[in-house]
Amino acid sequence: MTWLELADGVYARRYEELDLTVGLVVGSERCLVVDVRGDVDQGAELAAAVREITPLPWSVVYTHAHFDHAFGTTAFLPCDVWAHERCLTELTTDGEGARRKWIQYYLGENRPEMAEALERTEITLPDKPVTDSAEIDLGGRTAVLRFLGRAHTDHDLFVHVPDAGVVYAGDAVENAEAGFSAFSFNDGSFLAEWPGVMDAILALEPKIIVAGHGDPVDTAFIEKHRDGLRELVALKNRIAAGDLTTDEAVARSSYPGDVTKAALETP
């Protein structure tokens, strides 16, 4: 829970809870907060931490709609809230259901304080929807919001800071402690399209990529796991062709069985 300065005025902040990593980009006139944590209390902590760095007016961007990235906005209001247009759709249709699901999850984990914080949390819908790209002038530097394709979700939004060579990738890139995975697959992920998104990240020629969970990574990490995604796509195609059973595909995968099985179950 300390700020890591990646370049002048460009930061990441990593949390023990869910190993979440958020970001902050500071210009001469305003700043941009990249993801806001998962509930009203967590968001308030982050807002206070931002104020340790800068007193400038802020805007917020959600990399995607999942609760741990997009539910902590209250303490930042009023402000612009940027996200992909389909993030707005998901929060509108599924946000309340996700909030209730995670309340039950934390109650089941015997963490009533987390459940209670989510009970008090109000979901803030983005008011600055992005289709393909948008530029935010922060004063002396520009943050570019880019939709590079479907990967972890159908609305992953990347924050590119060209003058610093930094890309905030949300959960399209994850850096697990054990080093064995870069992915969190769910029924809203797009395995077949994900390698192309990794290529699109590389095409931006970043120096540092901020993962949605875990420490920031470099392009070698992206290249390695892009190739791993291609391997998973090939295994899934062989199952569809009848060449392999699921168990055989899991045995051949470079990734752990749970990661491989989740990947094979994606659309």
C-alpha atoms as a PDB file:
ATOM      1  CA  MET A   1       0.000   0.000   0.000  1.00  0.00           C
ATOM      2  CA  THR A   2       2.665   2.461  -1.065  1.00  0.00           C
ATOM      3  CA  TRP A   3       3.019   4.386  -4.303  1.00  0.00           C
ATOM      4  CA  LEU A   4       5.507   3.098  -6.856  1.00  0.00           C
ATOM      5  CA  GLU A   5       6.646   5.906  -9.174  1.00  0.00           C
ATOM      6  CA  LEU A   6       7.073   4.357 -12.613  1.00  0.00           C
ATOM      7  CA  ALA A   7       8.023   7.624 -14.349  1.00  0.00           C
ATOM      8  CA  ASP A   8       7.760  11.293 -13.466  1.00  0.00           C
ATOM      9  CA  GLY A   9       4.195  11.734 -12.207  1.00  0.00           C
ATOM     10  CA  VAL A  10       3.111   8.204 -13.182  1.00  0.00           C
ATOM     11  CA  TYR A  11       2.345   5.807 -10.335  1.00  0.00           C
ATOM     12  CA  ALA A  12       1.059   2.369  -9.405  1.00  0.00           C
ATOM     13  CA  ARG A  13      -0.309   1.316  -5.998  1.00  0.00           C
ATOM     14  CA  ARG A  14      -0.647  -2.344  -5.079  1.00  0.00           C
ATOM     15  CA  TYR A  15      -2.942  -3.698  -2.376  1.00  0.00           C
ATOM     16  CA  GLU A  16      -2.944  -6.928  -0.386  1.00  0.00           C
ATOM     17  CA  GLU A  17      -6.717  -7.350  -0.863  1.00  0.00           C
ATOM     18  CA  LEU A  18      -7.110  -9.348  -4.108  1.00  0.00           C
ATOM     19  CA  ASP A  19      -3.545  -8.250  -4.985  1.00  0.00           C
ATOM     20  CA  LEU A  20      -5.159  -5.321  -6.791  1.00  0.00           C
ATOM     21  CA  THR A  21      -3.056  -2.666  -8.531  1.00  0.00           C
ATOM     22  CA  VAL A  22      -4.397   0.798  -9.352  1.00  0.00           C
ATOM     23  CA  GLY A  23      -2.787   3.805 -10.997  1.00  0.00           C
ATOM     24  CA  LEU A  24      -2.350   7.564 -10.965  1.00  0.00           C
ATOM     25  CA  VAL A  25      -1.194   9.863 -13.760  1.00  0.00           C
ATOM     26  CA  VAL A  26      -0.381  13.462 -12.798  1.00  0.00           C
ATOM     27  CA  GLY A  27      -0.156  16.369 -15.220  1.00  0.00           C
ATOM     28  CA  SER A  28       0.419  20.058 -14.529  1.00  0.00           C
ATOM     29  CA  GLU A  29      -3.310  20.871 -14.329  1.00  0.00           C
ATOM     30  CA  ARG A  30      -5.165  17.701 -13.328  1.00  0.00           C
ATOM     31  CA  CYS A  31      -4.691  14.016 -12.585  1.00  0.00           C
ATOM     32  CA  LEU A  32      -6.255  10.730 -13.671  1.00  0.00           C
ATOM     33  CA  VAL A  33      -6.992   7.892 -11.247  1.00  0.00           C
ATOM     34  CA  VAL A  34      -6.921   4.470 -12.919  1.00  0.00           C
ATOM     35  CA  ASP A  35      -9.451   2.221 -11.128  1.00  0.00           C
ATOM     36  CA  VAL A  36     -10.904   2.995  -7.722  1.00  0.00           C
ATOM     37  CA  ARG A  37     -10.888  -0.267  -5.689  1.00  0.00           C
ATOM     38  CA  GLY A  38     -13.907  -2.255  -4.581  1.00  0.00           C
ATOM     39  CA  ASP A  39     -16.087  -0.461  -2.029  1.00  0.00           C
ATOM     40  CA  VAL A  40     -16.815   2.907  -0.446  1.00  0.00           C
ATOM     41  CA  ASP A  41     -14.157   2.534   2.274  1.00  0.00           C
ATOM     42  CA  GLN A  42     -11.460   1.276  -0.077  1.00  0.00           C
ATOM     43  CA  GLY A  43     -12.182   4.132  -2.457  1.00  0.00           C
ATOM     44  CA  ALA A  44     -11.902   6.653   0.385  1.00  0.00           C
ATOM     45  CA  GLU A  45      -8.505   5.240   1.333  1.00  0.00           C
ATOM     46  CA  LEU A  46      -7.348   5.557  -2.272  1.00  0.00           C
ATOM     47  CA  ALA A  47      -8.650   9.113  -2.583  1.00  0.00           C
ATOM     48  CA  ALA A  48      -6.703  10.085   0.550  1.00  0.00           C
ATOM     49  CA  ALA A  49      -3.603   8.393  -0.860  1.00  0.00           C
ATOM     50  CA  VAL A  50      -3.931  10.359  -4.104  1.00  0.00           C
ATOM     51  CA  ARG A  51      -4.069  13.547  -2.060  1.00  0.00           C
ATOM     52  CA  GLU A  52      -0.700  12.580  -0.554  1.00  0.00           C
ATOM     53  CA  ILE A  53       0.692  12.912  -4.081  1.00  0.00           C
ATOM     54  CA  THR A  54      -1.234  15.824  -5.588  1.00  0.00           C
ATOM     55  CA  PRO A  55      -3.955  18.387  -4.779  1.00  0.00           C
ATOM     56  CA  LEU A  56      -4.950  18.690  -8.462  1.00  0.00           C
ATOM     57  CA  PRO A  57      -8.493  18.050  -9.707  1.00  0.00           C
ATOM     58  CA  TRP A  58      -9.035  14.447 -10.682  1.00  0.00           C
ATOM     59  CA  SER A  59     -10.865  12.313 -13.177  1.00  0.00           C
ATOM     60  CA  VAL A  60     -11.438   8.573 -12.844  1.00  0.00           C
ATOM     61  CA  VAL A  61     -11.225   5.788 -15.421  1.00  0.00           C
ATOM     62  CA  TYR A  62     -12.470   2.213 -15.021  1.00  0.00           C
ATOM     63  CA  THR A  63     -10.415  -0.356 -16.918  1.00  0.00           C
ATOM     64  CA  HIS A  64     -13.464  -2.641 -16.731  1.00  0.00           C
ATOM     65  CA  ALA A  65     -16.658  -3.155 -14.746  1.00  0.00           C
ATOM     66  CA  HIS A  66     -15.565  -5.756 -12.175  1.00  0.00           C
ATOM     67  CA  PHE A  67     -16.269  -4.646  -8.637  1.00  0.00           C
ATOM     68  CA  ASP A  68     -12.681  -4.496  -7.350  1.00  0.00           C
ATOM     69  CA  HIS A  69     -11.836  -1.932 -10.038  1.00  0.00           C
ATOM     70  CA  ALA A  70     -15.021   0.118 -10.304  1.00  0.00           C
ATOM     71  CA  PHE A  71     -17.058   0.253  -7.088  1.00  0.00           C
ATOM     72  CA  GLY A  72     -15.002   2.679  -4.963  1.00  0.00           C
ATOM     73  CA  THR A  73     -15.830   5.945  -6.729  1.00  0.00           C
ATOM     74  CA  THR A  74     -17.923   7.782  -4.101  1.00  0.00           C
ATOM     75  CA  ALA A  75     -15.021   9.608  -2.413  1.00  0.00           C
ATOM     76  CA  PHE A  76     -13.873  11.035  -5.752  1.00  0.00           C
ATOM     77  CA  LEU A  77     -17.188  12.630  -6.681  1.00  0.00           C
ATOM     78  CA  PRO A  78     -17.941  14.961  -8.306  1.00  0.00           C
ATOM     79  CA  CYS A  79     -15.648  14.133 -11.206  1.00  0.00           C
ATOM     80  CA  ASP A  80     -15.605  12.781 -14.748  1.00  0.00           C
ATOM     81  CA  VAL A  81     -15.790   8.990 -14.837  1.00  0.00           C
ATOM     82  CA  TRP A  82     -14.444   7.410 -18.028  1.00  0.00           C
ATOM     83  CA  ALA A  83     -14.988   3.825 -19.208  1.00  0.00           C
ATOM     84  CA  HIS A  84     -15.729   1.847 -22.327  1.00  0.00           C
ATOM     85  CA  GLU A  85     -19.358   2.109 -23.393  1.00  0.00           C
ATOM     86  CA  ARG A  86     -19.910  -1.600 -22.719  1.00  0.00           C
ATOM     87  CA  CYS A  87     -18.579  -1.113 -19.193  1.00  0.00           C
ATOM     88  CA  LEU A  88     -21.478   1.290 -18.696  1.00  0.00           C
ATOM     89  CA  THR A  89     -23.835  -1.373 -20.046  1.00  0.00           C
ATOM     90  CA  GLU A  90     -22.484  -4.054 -17.711  1.00  0.00           C
ATOM     91  CA  LEU A  91     -22.607  -1.859 -14.633  1.00  0.00           C
ATOM     92  CA  THR A  92     -26.149  -0.822 -15.491  1.00  0.00           C
ATOM     93  CA  THR A  93     -27.419  -4.364 -16.031  1.00  0.00           C
ATOM     94  CA  ASP A  94     -25.206  -6.477 -13.753  1.00  0.00           C
ATOM     95  CA  GLY A  95     -23.562  -4.129 -11.247  1.00  0.00           C
ATOM     96  CA  GLU A  96     -26.070  -4.606  -8.461  1.00  0.00           C
ATOM     97  CA  GLY A  97     -26.007  -8.371  -8.894  1.00  0.00           C
ATOM     98  CA  ALA A  98     -22.207  -8.334  -8.672  1.00  0.00           C
ATOM     99  CA  ARG A  99     -22.356  -6.225  -5.521  1.00  0.00           C
ATOM    100  CA  ARG A 100     -24.751  -8.694  -3.876  1.00  0.00           C
ATOM    101  CA  LYS A 101     -22.620 -11.649  -4.996  1.00  0.00           C
ATOM    102  CA  TRP A 102     -19.504 -10.231  -3.373  1.00  0.00           C
ATOM    103  CA  ILE A 103     -21.378  -9.376  -0.198  1.00  0.00           C
ATOM    104  CA  GLN A 104     -22.305 -13.050   0.071  1.00  0.00           C
ATOM    105  CA  TYR A 105     -18.739 -14.067  -0.799  1.00  0.00           C
ATOM    106  CA  TYR A 106     -17.238 -12.038   2.046  1.00  0.00           C
ATOM    107  CA  LEU A 107     -19.888 -13.248   4.489  1.00  0.00           C
ATOM    108  CA  GLY A 108     -18.981 -16.796   3.491  1.00  0.00           C
ATOM    109  CA  GLU A 109     -15.312 -15.981   4.099  1.00  0.00           C
ATOM    110  CA  ASN A 110     -16.217 -14.730   7.596  1.00  0.00           C
ATOM    111  CA  ARG A 111     -15.218 -11.178   6.723  1.00  0.00           C
ATOM    112  CA  PRO A 112     -18.316  -9.247   7.754  1.00  0.00           C
ATOM    113  CA  GLU A 113     -16.520  -5.889   7.665  1.00  0.00           C
ATOM    114  CA  MET A 114     -15.957  -6.301   3.910  1.00  0.00           C
ATOM    115  CA  ALA A 115     -19.569  -7.299   3.372  1.00  0.00           C
ATOM    116  CA  GLU A 116     -20.765  -4.326   5.403  1.00  0.00           C
ATOM    117  CA  ALA A 117     -18.647  -1.902   3.366  1.00  0.00           C
ATOM    118  CA  LEU A 118     -20.174  -3.263   0.174  1.00  0.00           C
ATOM    119  CA  GLU A 119     -23.633  -2.870   1.710  1.00  0.00           C
ATOM    120  CA  ARG A 120     -22.895   0.860   2.043  1.00  0.00           C
ATOM    121  CA  THR A 121     -21.425   1.142  -1.446  1.00  0.00           C
ATOM    122  CA  GLU A 122     -23.262   2.894  -4.261  1.00  0.00           C
ATOM    123  CA  ILE A 123     -22.172   2.066  -7.799  1.00  0.00           C
ATOM    124  CA  THR A 124     -21.234   5.123  -9.849  1.00  0.00           C
ATOM    125  CA  LEU A 125     -21.958   4.789 -13.555  1.00  0.00           C
ATOM    126  CA  PRO A 126     -19.439   6.299 -15.976  1.00  0.00           C
ATOM    127  CA  ASP A 127     -20.529   9.542 -17.619  1.00  0.00           C
ATOM    128  CA  LYS A 128     -17.740   9.667 -20.211  1.00  0.00           C
ATOM    129  CA  PRO A 129     -18.227   6.520 -22.335  1.00  0.00           C
ATOM    130  CA  VAL A 130     -15.498   5.589 -24.823  1.00  0.00           C
ATOM    131  CA  THR A 131     -16.000   3.569 -27.999  1.00  0.00           C
ATOM    132  CA  ASP A 132     -12.521   3.210 -29.504  1.00  0.00           C
ATOM    133  CA  SER A 133     -10.265   5.882 -28.012  1.00  0.00           C
ATOM    134  CA  ALA A 134     -10.236   9.190 -26.204  1.00  0.00           C
ATOM    135  CA  GLU A 135      -7.572  11.639 -25.089  1.00  0.00           C
ATOM    136  CA  ILE A 136      -7.509  13.345 -21.706  1.00  0.00           C
ATOM    137  CA  ASP A 137      -5.394  16.495 -21.468  1.00  0.00           C
ATOM    138  CA  LEU A 138      -3.857  16.553 -18.003  1.00  0.00           C
ATOM    139  CA  GLY A 139      -1.737  19.638 -18.653  1.00  0.00           C
ATOM    140  CA  GLY A 140       1.659  19.016 -20.220  1.00  0.00           C
ATOM    141  CA  ARG A 141       0.825  15.380 -20.902  1.00  0.00           C
ATOM    142  CA  THR A 142      -1.986  13.382 -22.448  1.00  0.00           C
ATOM    143  CA  ALA A 143      -3.477  10.128 -21.222  1.00  0.00           C
ATOM    144  CA  VAL A 144      -4.908   8.116 -24.111  1.00  0.00           C
ATOM    145  CA  LEU A 145      -7.739   5.690 -23.406  1.00  0.00           C
ATOM    146  CA  ARG A 146      -7.696   2.818 -25.886  1.00  0.00           C
ATOM    147  CA  PHE A 147      -9.958  -0.130 -26.585  1.00  0.00           C
ATOM    148  CA  LEU A 148      -7.621  -2.734 -28.096  1.00  0.00           C
ATOM    149  CA  GLY A 149     -10.084  -5.608 -28.422  1.00  0.00           C
ATOM    150  CA  ARG A 150     -11.875  -8.148 -26.282  1.00  0.00           C
ATOM    151  CA  ALA A 151      -9.795 -10.076 -23.759  1.00  0.00           C
ATOM    152  CA  HIS A 152     -10.577 -10.370 -20.038  1.00  0.00           C
ATOM    153  CA  THR A 153     -13.942  -8.740 -20.833  1.00  0.00           C
ATOM    154  CA  ASP A 154     -15.654  -7.296 -23.890  1.00  0.00           C
ATOM    155  CA  HIS A 155     -14.830  -3.781 -22.696  1.00  0.00           C
ATOM    156  CA  ASP A 156     -11.215  -3.722 -21.467  1.00  0.00           C
ATOM    157  CA  LEU A 157      -9.989  -0.131 -21.619  1.00  0.00           C
ATOM    158  CA  PHE A 158      -6.262   0.590 -21.587  1.00  0.00           C
ATOM    159  CA  VAL A 159      -4.685   3.798 -20.342  1.00  0.00           C
ATOM    160  CA  HIS A 160      -1.622   4.753 -22.380  1.00  0.00           C
ATOM    161  CA  VAL A 161       0.736   7.470 -21.176  1.00  0.00           C
ATOM    162  CA  PRO A 162       2.901   7.935 -24.291  1.00  0.00           C
ATOM    163  CA  ASP A 163       5.454  10.387 -22.875  1.00  0.00           C
ATOM    164  CA  ALA A 164       6.224   7.967 -20.016  1.00  0.00           C
ATOM    165  CA  GLY A 165       6.016   4.708 -21.979  1.00  0.00           C
ATOM    166  CA  VAL A 166       3.486   3.289 -19.508  1.00  0.00           C
ATOM    167  CA  VAL A 167       0.316   1.306 -20.249  1.00  0.00           C
ATOM    168  CA  TYR A 168      -2.251   0.472 -17.561  1.00  0.00           C
ATOM    169  CA  ALA A 169      -3.763  -2.822 -18.710  1.00  0.00           C
ATOM    170  CA  GLY A 170      -6.367  -3.680 -16.096  1.00  0.00           C
ATOM    171  CA  ASP A 171      -7.053  -7.409 -15.911  1.00  0.00           C
ATOM    172  CA  ALA A 172      -6.107  -8.040 -19.524  1.00  0.00           C
ATOM    173  CA  VAL A 173      -2.718  -8.546 -17.857  1.00  0.00           C
ATOM    174  CA  GLU A 174      -2.231 -10.058 -14.417  1.00  0.00           C
ATOM    175  CA  ASN A 175       1.003 -10.888 -12.643  1.00  0.00           C
ATOM    176  CA  ALA A 176       0.401 -13.755 -10.233  1.00  0.00           C
ATOM    177  CA  GLU A 177       2.795 -14.157  -7.314  1.00  0.00           C
ATOM    178  CA  ALA A 178       3.759 -17.652  -8.409  1.00  0.00           C
ATOM    179  CA  GLY A 179       4.602 -16.373 -11.867  1.00  0.00           C
ATOM    180  CA  PHE A 180       2.563 -19.024 -13.650  1.00  0.00           C
ATOM    181  CA  SER A 181      -0.261 -16.951 -15.065  1.00  0.00           C
ATOM    182  CA  ALA A 182      -1.153 -13.635 -16.602  1.00  0.00           C
ATOM    183  CA  PHE A 183      -4.866 -14.272 -16.930  1.00  0.00           C
ATOM    184  CA  SER A 184      -8.114 -14.387 -15.032  1.00  0.00           C
ATOM    185  CA  PHE A 185     -10.622 -16.186 -17.213  1.00  0.00           C
ATOM    186  CA  ASN A 186     -14.366 -15.934 -16.733  1.00  0.00           C
ATOM    187  CA  ASP A 187     -17.467 -16.565 -18.815  1.00  0.00           C
ATOM    188  CA  GLY A 188     -17.136 -13.035 -20.174  1.00  0.00           C
ATOM    189  CA  SER A 189     -13.578 -13.541 -21.463  1.00  0.00           C
ATOM    190  CA  PHE A 190     -12.548 -14.010 -25.095  1.00  0.00           C
ATOM    191  CA  LEU A 191      -9.702 -16.493 -25.358  1.00  0.00           C
ATOM    192  CA  ALA A 192      -9.421 -16.507 -29.163  1.00  0.00           C
ATOM    193  CA  GLU A 193      -9.113 -12.708 -29.337  1.00  0.00           C
ATOM    194  CA  TRP A 194      -6.846 -12.205 -26.345  1.00  0.00           C
ATOM    195  CA  PRO A 195      -3.498 -12.854 -28.134  1.00  0.00           C
ATOM    196  CA  GLY A 196      -4.306 -10.064 -30.582  1.00  0.00           C
ATOM    197  CA  VAL A 197      -4.871  -7.699 -27.676  1.00  0.00           C
ATOM    198  CA  MET A 198      -1.442  -8.609 -26.315  1.00  0.00           C
ATOM    199  CA  ASP A 199       0.026  -7.830 -29.739  1.00  0.00           C
ATOM    200  CA  ALA A 200      -1.764  -4.479 -29.664  1.00  0.00           C
ATOM    201  CA  ILE A 201      -0.175  -3.699 -26.295  1.00  0.00           C
ATOM    202  CA  LEU A 202       3.247  -4.507 -27.711  1.00  0.00           C
ATOM    203  CA  ALA A 203       2.572  -2.286 -30.726  1.00  0.00           C
ATOM    204  CA  LEU A 204       2.370   0.693 -28.348  1.00  0.00           C
ATOM    205  CA  GLU A 205       6.038  -0.008 -27.493  1.00  0.00           C
ATOM    206  CA  PRO A 206       5.622   0.507 -23.746  1.00  0.00           C
ATOM    207  CA  LYS A 207       8.465   0.393 -21.268  1.00  0.00           C
ATOM    208  CA  ILE A 208       6.191  -0.682 -18.413  1.00  0.00           C
ATOM    209  CA  ILE A 209       2.794  -2.385 -18.370  1.00  0.00           C
ATOM    210  CA  VAL A 210       0.784  -2.054 -15.155  1.00  0.00           C
ATOM    211  CA  ALA A 211      -1.072  -5.296 -14.492  1.00  0.00           C
ATOM    212  CA  GLY A 212      -4.496  -5.187 -12.869  1.00  0.00           C
ATOM    213  CA  HIS A 213      -3.196  -7.503 -10.147  1.00  0.00           C
ATOM    214  CA  GLY A 214       0.402  -7.885  -9.043  1.00  0.00           C
ATOM    215  CA  ASP A 215       3.513  -5.909  -9.893  1.00  0.00           C
ATOM    216  CA  PRO A 216       4.025  -4.044 -13.190  1.00  0.00           C
ATOM    217  CA  VAL A 217       5.618  -6.088 -15.968  1.00  0.00           C
ATOM    218  CA  ASP A 218       7.735  -5.597 -19.073  1.00  0.00           C
ATOM    219  CA  THR A 219       7.250  -6.499 -22.715  1.00  0.00           C
ATOM    220  CA  ALA A 220       9.015  -9.846 -22.274  1.00  0.00           C
ATOM    221  CA  PHE A 221       6.242 -10.852 -19.855  1.00  0.00           C
ATOM    222  CA  ILE A 222       3.607  -9.831 -22.403  1.00  0.00           C
ATOM    223  CA  GLU A 223       5.338 -11.761 -25.197  1.00  0.00           C
ATOM    224  CA  LYS A 224       5.640 -14.884 -23.041  1.00  0.00           C
ATOM    225  CA  HIS A 225       1.990 -14.937 -22.073  1.00  0.00           C
ATOM    226  CA  ARG A 226       0.780 -13.937 -25.523  1.00  0.00           C
ATOM    227  CA  ASP A 227       2.443 -17.124 -26.724  1.00  0.00           C
ATOM    228  CA  GLY A 228       0.829 -18.967 -23.817  1.00  0.00           C
ATOM    229  CA  LEU A 229      -2.572 -17.709 -24.905  1.00  0.00           C
ATOM    230  CA  ARG A 230      -1.914 -18.937 -28.429  1.00  0.00           C
ATOM    231  CA  GLU A 231      -1.091 -22.341 -26.974  1.00  0.00           C
ATOM    232  CA  LEU A 232      -4.392 -22.376 -25.088  1.00  0.00           C
ATOM    233  CA  VAL A 233      -6.286 -21.343 -28.224  1.00  0.00           C
ATOM    234  CA  ALA A 234      -4.644 -24.192 -30.149  1.00  0.00           C
ATOM    235  CA  LEU A 235      -5.570 -26.701 -27.441  1.00  0.00           C
ATOM    236  CA  LYS A 236      -9.167 -25.513 -27.438  1.00  0.00           C
ATOM    237  CA  ASN A 237      -9.307 -25.839 -31.230  1.00  0.00           C
ATOM    238  CA  ARG A 238      -7.970 -29.402 -31.025  1.00  0.00           C
ATOM    239  CA  ILE A 239     -10.688 -30.289 -28.508  1.00  0.00           C
ATOM    240  CA  ALA A 240     -13.301 -28.839 -30.864  1.00  0.00           C
ATOM    241  CA  ALA A 241     -11.841 -30.896 -33.716  1.00  0.00           C
ATOM    242  CA  GLY A 242     -11.991 -34.089 -31.645  1.00  0.00           C
ATOM    243  CA  ASP A 243      -8.209 -34.513 -31.540  1.00  0.00           C
ATOM    244  CA  LEU A 244      -7.942 -34.139 -27.770  1.00  0.00           C
ATOM    245  CA  THR A 245     -10.094 -34.620 -24.733  1.00  0.00           C
ATOM    246  CA  THR A 246     -10.230 -31.841 -22.172  1.00  0.00           C
ATOM    247  CA  ASP A 247      -8.121 -33.900 -19.764  1.00  0.00           C
ATOM    248  CA  GLU A 248      -5.503 -34.468 -22.457  1.00  0.00           C
ATOM    249  CA  ALA A 249      -5.439 -30.740 -23.255  1.00  0.00           C
ATOM    250  CA  VAL A 250      -4.983 -29.883 -19.575  1.00  0.00           C
ATOM    251  CA  ALA A 251      -2.096 -32.355 -19.342  1.00  0.00           C
ATOM    252  CA  ARG A 252      -0.366 -30.730 -22.329  1.00  0.00           C
ATOM    253  CA  SER A 253      -0.836 -27.132 -21.190  1.00  0.00           C
ATOM    254  CA  SER A 254       2.002 -25.050 -19.810  1.00  0.00           C
ATOM    255  CA  TYR A 255      -0.426 -23.558 -17.301  1.00  0.00           C
ATOM    256  CA  PRO A 256      -1.927 -25.088 -14.158  1.00  0.00           C
ATOM    257  CA  GLY A 257      -5.020 -27.223 -14.586  1.00  0.00           C
ATOM    258  CA  ASP A 258      -7.450 -24.704 -13.097  1.00  0.00           C
ATOM    259  CA  VAL A 259      -6.166 -21.927 -15.362  1.00  0.00           C
ATOM    260  CA  THR A 260      -6.328 -24.167 -18.436  1.00  0.00           C
ATOM    261  CA  LYS A 261      -9.814 -25.449 -17.661  1.00  0.00           C
ATOM    262  CA  ALA A 262     -11.088 -21.896 -17.156  1.00  0.00           C
ATOM    263  CA  ALA A 263      -9.540 -20.869 -20.473  1.00  0.00           C
ATOM    264  CA  LEU A 264     -11.108 -23.794 -22.323  1.00  0.00           C
ATOM    265  CA  GLU A 265     -14.535 -22.830 -20.970  1.00  0.00           C
ATOM    266  CA  THR A 266     -14.417 -19.280 -22.363  1.00  0.00           C
ATOM    267  CA  PRO A 267     -16.393 -18.308 -25.498  1.00  0.00           C
END
